[in-house]
Amino acid sequence: MMIRKAQMSVLAEAAATDFENRMVAHLNKCFPAACETLQEPGVRETIRYGINRSAHYDVTTERDVCKYIDLMMVFGRDFDTRAELPWASRILNDRVLKNPTARIERLFTVAKEEQTK
């Protein structure tokens, strides 16, 4: 059986929609006040923005993208470029940590430490 490019495109779009729907539910559960403020269209736009921003750092697995978007919800939409959060950019751009999952795990750990300061 051969899958054509058009079929692959439809499958990829369905997977992206499914991920977005699951992220909407996740964010509403974990960040209800922010989601209420954003309303559903804003939450969906935030998710799409987070998917695009995380891809800039080669972060593409669902679990890692979810963590990246969670950090956006806690530290702000552009936490990765904010001068007052230099640790975020430093970790995301650290090429010694070649594995994107390792960078996200490190980022998440440091973010937790920063929150308790």
Foldseek 3Di string as FASTA:
>chain_A
DDDDPVNVVVVVVVVVVVLLVVLLVVCCVVPVVVCVVCDVVNSSVLLVLLCVVLVVLVQHDSVLSSLSSVVCSVCHSPLCPDPVNVVNVCLSPDCVPVDSVVSSVVNSVVVVVVVVD
